[in-house]
Protein backbone atom coordinates (compact mmCIF):
# COMPACT_ATOMS: atom_id res chain seq x y z
CA MET A 1 87.68 97.33 114.28
CA GLU A 2 84.00 97.84 115.23
CA LYS A 3 82.87 100.76 117.04
CA ASP A 4 83.57 100.96 120.68
CA PHE A 5 85.04 97.57 120.77
CA VAL A 6 87.77 96.81 123.21
CA LEU A 7 90.40 94.23 123.37
CA ILE A 8 90.04 91.86 126.17
CA TYR A 9 92.22 89.02 125.69
CA ARG A 10 95.28 88.09 123.34
CA THR A 11 97.03 84.78 122.99
CA THR A 12 99.53 83.10 120.37
CA VAL A 13 97.66 79.80 120.87
CA PRO A 14 94.92 79.66 118.40
CA PHE A 15 92.73 77.26 120.54
CA GLN A 16 92.74 79.48 123.40
CA ALA A 17 91.23 82.44 121.47
CA GLU A 18 88.26 79.80 120.61
CA ILE A 19 87.80 78.82 124.03
CA ALA A 20 87.71 82.43 124.97
CA ARG A 21 85.15 82.99 121.65
CA ASP A 22 83.09 80.11 122.96
CA LEU A 23 83.04 81.22 126.51
CA LEU A 24 81.66 84.71 125.39
CA THR A 25 79.07 83.46 123.10
CA ASP A 26 77.75 80.75 125.07
CA ASN A 27 76.96 83.32 127.63
CA GLY A 28 75.46 86.05 125.44
CA VAL A 29 78.37 88.21 124.81
CA ASN A 30 79.26 89.07 121.52
CA CYS A 31 82.94 89.02 120.54
CA VAL A 32 85.20 89.33 117.39
CA VAL A 33 88.74 87.50 117.13
CA LEU A 34 91.08 89.28 115.05
CA ASN A 35 93.86 86.51 113.86
CA GLN A 36 97.16 88.60 113.41
CA GLN A 37 99.21 85.45 113.07
CA ASP A 38 101.76 85.18 110.34
CA SER A 39 100.17 82.44 107.71
CA ALA A 40 103.78 81.34 106.90
CA ILE A 41 105.15 81.16 110.47
CA PRO A 42 102.15 80.93 112.79
CA SER A 43 104.42 81.45 115.90
CA PHE A 44 104.58 85.11 115.17
CA GLY A 45 101.62 87.34 115.96
CA GLU A 46 98.69 87.06 118.05
CA MET A 47 94.90 86.30 118.35
CA LYS A 48 93.15 88.83 119.70
CA VAL A 49 89.48 89.22 121.23
CA TYR A 50 87.29 91.95 121.26
CA VAL A 51 84.02 92.78 122.83
CA HIS A 52 81.82 95.85 122.88
CA GLN A 53 82.80 98.18 125.70
CA ASN A 54 79.25 97.64 127.24
CA ASP A 55 80.16 93.95 127.76
CA ARG A 56 83.71 94.53 128.76
CA GLU A 57 83.10 93.51 132.83
CA GLN A 58 81.06 90.60 132.20
CA ALA A 59 83.39 89.29 129.43
CA LEU A 60 86.60 89.84 131.76
CA ASN A 61 84.78 88.15 134.61
CA LEU A 62 83.79 84.99 132.46
CA LEU A 63 87.34 85.00 131.20
CA LYS A 64 89.10 85.48 134.48
CA ASN A 65 90.33 81.61 134.59
CA LEU A 66 91.37 81.50 131.15
CA ILE A 67 93.46 85.01 131.53
CA ASN A 68 95.21 83.74 134.74
């Protein structure tokens, strides 16, 4: 993982991770989505979204409706 990046969102549903990525990038927040799902059995594992620590508060604010 990139230096100074923090985990802000995790899900087992791939399209939710894509929605998070779109929300963040559309608002100028760079992010990384890490797919840790099993390729044979996608229901095992998670998709994780990371942002730079300086963007953490903005990212959490943007994703607050998705997270709740």
